[in-house]
Protein backbone atom coordinates (compact mmCIF):
# COMPACT_ATOMS: atom_id res chain seq x y z
CA MET A 1 -51.96 -178.97 104.60
CA LEU A 2 -50.81 -176.61 101.89
CA GLY A 3 -54.29 -176.73 100.26
CA ALA A 4 -55.94 -175.52 103.42
CA TRP A 5 -53.48 -172.77 103.82
CA PHE A 6 -54.11 -171.75 100.21
CA ILE A 7 -57.85 -171.75 100.66
CA THR A 8 -57.77 -169.64 103.94
CA GLU A 9 -54.88 -167.34 103.23
CA ILE A 10 -54.96 -166.68 99.39
CA LEU A 11 -58.36 -167.26 97.97
CA PRO A 12 -60.19 -164.74 100.20
CA HIS A 13 -58.18 -162.03 98.35
CA GLU A 14 -59.43 -163.17 94.92
CA ALA A 15 -61.73 -160.29 94.29
CA ALA A 16 -59.03 -157.72 95.32
CA LEU A 17 -56.47 -159.44 93.17
CA THR A 18 -58.88 -159.48 90.16
CA ARG A 19 -59.49 -155.75 90.56
CA TYR A 20 -55.79 -155.07 90.85
CA LEU A 21 -55.08 -157.05 87.69
CA GLY A 22 -57.89 -155.42 85.90
CA ARG A 23 -56.32 -152.03 86.55
CA VAL A 24 -52.69 -152.99 85.65
CA CYS A 25 -52.90 -155.75 82.95
CA PRO A 26 -52.15 -154.38 79.49
CA ASN A 27 -54.84 -156.61 78.01
CA SER A 28 -58.05 -156.83 80.17
CA SER A 29 -59.01 -160.23 78.55
CA ASP A 30 -55.91 -161.70 80.19
CA VAL A 31 -56.86 -160.89 83.74
CA LEU A 32 -58.27 -164.35 84.53
CA ASP A 33 -55.29 -166.23 83.02
CA VAL A 34 -52.78 -163.92 84.93
CA ARG A 35 -54.66 -164.53 88.12
CA GLN A 36 -54.51 -168.26 87.60
CA ASP A 37 -50.66 -168.04 86.85
CA VAL A 38 -50.30 -165.98 90.05
CA TYR A 39 -52.08 -168.81 92.00
CA VAL A 40 -49.79 -171.42 90.48
CA ARG A 41 -46.67 -169.40 91.45
CA VAL A 42 -47.82 -168.61 94.96
CA TYR A 43 -48.90 -172.27 95.55
CA GLU A 44 -45.54 -173.66 94.24
CA SER A 45 -43.59 -171.08 96.28
CA ALA A 46 -45.58 -171.78 99.45
CA ALA A 47 -44.92 -175.54 98.92
CA ARG A 48 -41.22 -174.75 99.66
CA GLU A 49 -41.71 -172.10 102.26
CA ARG A 50 -44.87 -170.31 103.49
CA PRO A 51 -44.72 -166.47 103.25
CA ARG A 52 -45.09 -164.60 106.49
CA SER A 53 -47.52 -162.10 104.87
CA PRO A 54 -49.63 -164.10 102.33
CA LYS A 55 -51.63 -161.11 101.02
CA ALA A 56 -48.50 -159.11 100.40
CA PHE A 57 -46.83 -162.11 98.83
CA LEU A 58 -49.81 -162.59 96.61
CA PHE A 59 -49.70 -159.07 95.19
CA VAL A 60 -45.84 -158.95 94.87
CA THR A 61 -46.09 -162.27 92.92
CA ALA A 62 -48.72 -160.71 90.65
CA ARG A 63 -46.63 -157.56 90.09
CA ASN A 64 -43.57 -159.76 89.28
CA LEU A 65 -45.58 -162.09 87.01
CA LEU A 66 -46.88 -159.03 84.95
CA ALA A 67 -43.31 -157.61 84.68
CA ASP A 68 -42.12 -161.07 83.37
CA ARG A 69 -44.97 -161.16 80.81
CA VAL A 70 -44.16 -157.60 79.63
CA ARG A 71 -40.52 -158.45 79.24
CA ARG A 72 -41.35 -161.70 77.29
CA SER A 73 -43.67 -159.94 75.05
CA ARG A 74 -40.90 -157.66 73.97
CA VAL A 75 -38.61 -160.48 73.00
CA VAL A 76 -39.25 -161.91 69.59
CA SER A 77 -38.34 -165.64 69.29
CA ILE A 78 -36.77 -166.52 65.91
CA ALA A 79 -37.18 -170.29 66.25
CA TYR A 80 -37.97 -172.85 68.96
CA THR A 81 -34.87 -175.15 69.11
CA GLN A 82 -35.37 -177.08 72.32
CA ASP A 83 -35.54 -180.76 72.11
CA LEU A 84 -39.00 -181.85 73.43
CA ASP A 85 -37.70 -185.27 74.32
CA ILE A 86 -36.19 -183.88 77.52
CA LEU A 87 -39.71 -183.14 78.72
CA ASN A 88 -40.79 -186.77 78.64
CA VAL A 89 -41.04 -188.41 82.05
CA LEU A 90 -41.00 -192.21 82.37
CA ILE A 91 -43.99 -193.45 84.27
CA ASP A 92 -41.87 -196.28 85.70
CA GLU A 93 -39.86 -193.53 87.67
CA ILE A 94 -42.95 -192.83 89.94
CA SER A 95 -43.27 -194.84 93.03
CA PRO A 96 -46.21 -197.25 93.65
CA GLU A 97 -47.06 -195.29 96.87
CA HIS A 98 -47.17 -191.99 94.85
CA ARG A 99 -49.32 -193.68 92.15
CA LEU A 100 -51.75 -194.99 94.72
CA SER A 101 -51.93 -191.67 96.48
CA ALA A 102 -52.60 -189.85 93.25
CA ARG A 103 -55.17 -192.31 92.13
CA GLN A 104 -57.00 -192.01 95.46
CA GLU A 105 -56.92 -188.17 95.31
CA LEU A 106 -58.14 -188.32 91.71
CA GLN A 107 -60.96 -190.65 92.78
CA ARG A 108 -62.04 -188.28 95.55
CA LEU A 109 -61.99 -185.31 93.13
CA THR A 110 -63.97 -187.24 90.49
CA GLN A 111 -66.61 -188.21 93.08
CA ALA A 112 -66.90 -184.66 94.38
CA PHE A 113 -67.09 -183.42 90.74
CA ASP A 114 -69.81 -185.86 89.93
CA SER A 115 -71.76 -184.90 93.04
CA LEU A 116 -71.95 -181.16 92.08
CA SER A 117 -75.21 -179.78 90.70
CA ASP A 118 -75.38 -179.53 86.96
CA GLU A 119 -74.86 -175.85 87.03
CA CYS A 120 -71.83 -175.91 89.38
CA ARG A 121 -70.24 -178.83 87.33
CA SER A 122 -70.72 -176.91 83.99
CA VAL A 123 -69.31 -173.76 85.47
CA VAL A 124 -66.30 -175.40 87.00
CA TRP A 125 -65.63 -177.36 83.84
CA LEU A 126 -65.74 -174.37 81.53
CA ARG A 127 -63.73 -171.98 83.76
CA ARG A 128 -61.13 -174.33 85.16
CA VAL A 129 -60.75 -177.11 82.60
CA GLU A 130 -61.65 -175.43 79.29
CA GLY A 131 -60.22 -172.12 80.59
CA LEU A 132 -63.07 -169.95 79.30
CA SER A 133 -63.23 -166.40 80.50
CA GLN A 134 -66.03 -165.54 83.08
CA ARG A 135 -67.91 -163.61 80.32
CA ASP A 136 -67.61 -166.47 77.72
CA ALA A 137 -68.67 -169.16 80.19
CA ALA A 138 -71.65 -167.09 81.27
CA ARG A 139 -72.65 -166.46 77.72
CA ARG A 140 -72.34 -170.10 76.85
CA LEU A 141 -74.45 -171.15 79.79
CA GLY A 142 -76.88 -168.39 79.47
CA MET A 143 -76.45 -166.98 82.99
CA LEU A 144 -75.29 -163.74 84.57
CA GLU A 145 -71.65 -163.43 85.38
CA GLY A 146 -72.51 -162.95 89.12
CA THR A 147 -74.49 -166.24 89.13
CA LEU A 148 -71.60 -168.02 87.29
CA GLU A 149 -69.18 -166.72 89.94
CA SER A 150 -71.40 -167.98 92.71
CA HIS A 151 -71.69 -171.41 91.20
CA LEU A 152 -67.89 -171.48 90.68
CA CYS A 153 -67.29 -170.52 94.22
CA ARG A 154 -69.70 -173.28 95.58
CA GLY A 155 -68.17 -175.75 93.26
CA LEU A 156 -64.61 -175.05 94.16
CA CYS A 157 -65.41 -175.08 97.86
CA ALA A 158 -67.15 -178.47 97.47
CA LEU A 159 -64.24 -179.78 95.64
CA ALA A 160 -61.71 -178.45 98.20
CA LYS A 161 -63.81 -180.04 100.99
CA ALA A 162 -63.69 -183.43 99.25
CA VAL A 163 -59.92 -183.26 98.50
CA PHE A 164 -58.70 -181.54 101.67
CA GLY A 165 -61.45 -182.75 104.05
CA TYR A 166 -62.80 -179.47 105.25
CA GLY A 167 -66.50 -178.80 105.75
CA SER A 168 -66.73 -175.05 106.25
CA ARG A 169 -64.60 -171.90 106.07
CA LYS A 170 -64.44 -171.86 109.91
CA GLU A 171 -63.14 -175.33 110.01
CA MET A 172 -60.47 -174.46 107.43
CA GLN A 173 -59.52 -171.28 109.31
CA GLY A 174 -59.41 -173.13 112.65
CA SER A 175 -57.26 -175.96 111.21
CA SER A 176 -54.75 -173.66 109.67
CA ARG A 177 -54.55 -171.50 112.70
CA GLY A 178 -54.09 -174.47 114.96
CA SER A 179 -51.18 -175.76 112.95
CA GLU A 180 -49.70 -172.29 112.84
CA HIS A 181 -50.06 -172.16 116.64
CA GLU A 182 -48.41 -175.54 117.00
CA THR A 183 -45.41 -174.46 114.92
CA GLU A 184 -45.04 -171.10 116.83
CA HIS A 185 -45.29 -172.67 120.25
CA GLY A 186 -44.57 -176.30 119.69
């Protein structure tokens, strides 16, 4: 239930993380991209081992990611010499069970996405699929940034509910706390 953990322990800090990144990012237009990269790192790391203090881990990850970006920006690459063939993955290597599971999850996500209101669907698509900034997406849709953020939140919550099976924030928190309680005392 990594998804439920992420929703209850990490996403509630999104506003604070965005403010922090807004203060420390060298380029303010990169804030949302950096935030997304932080989420990816936190999620992947938590898949291996859940941090004891999720909020602290989130902000340390953000600081480390920014340090990595600054270091990389100072290095000038002369040429890309890597062989791209090593990145190819043979589809045959994926087990039938994994394919079926992925197909079912994609089907649930597609149905949930299609069931969103037109506004939510447009906002989620522009922000998460096309990667537009909040300002650009709001401008394109002709809505205020606060309204766009509200639609994005509703849309992402509906998608999380469809994929992870949770109905409300209380259900998510109760489920994640229950599993933590079991691991601590079970």
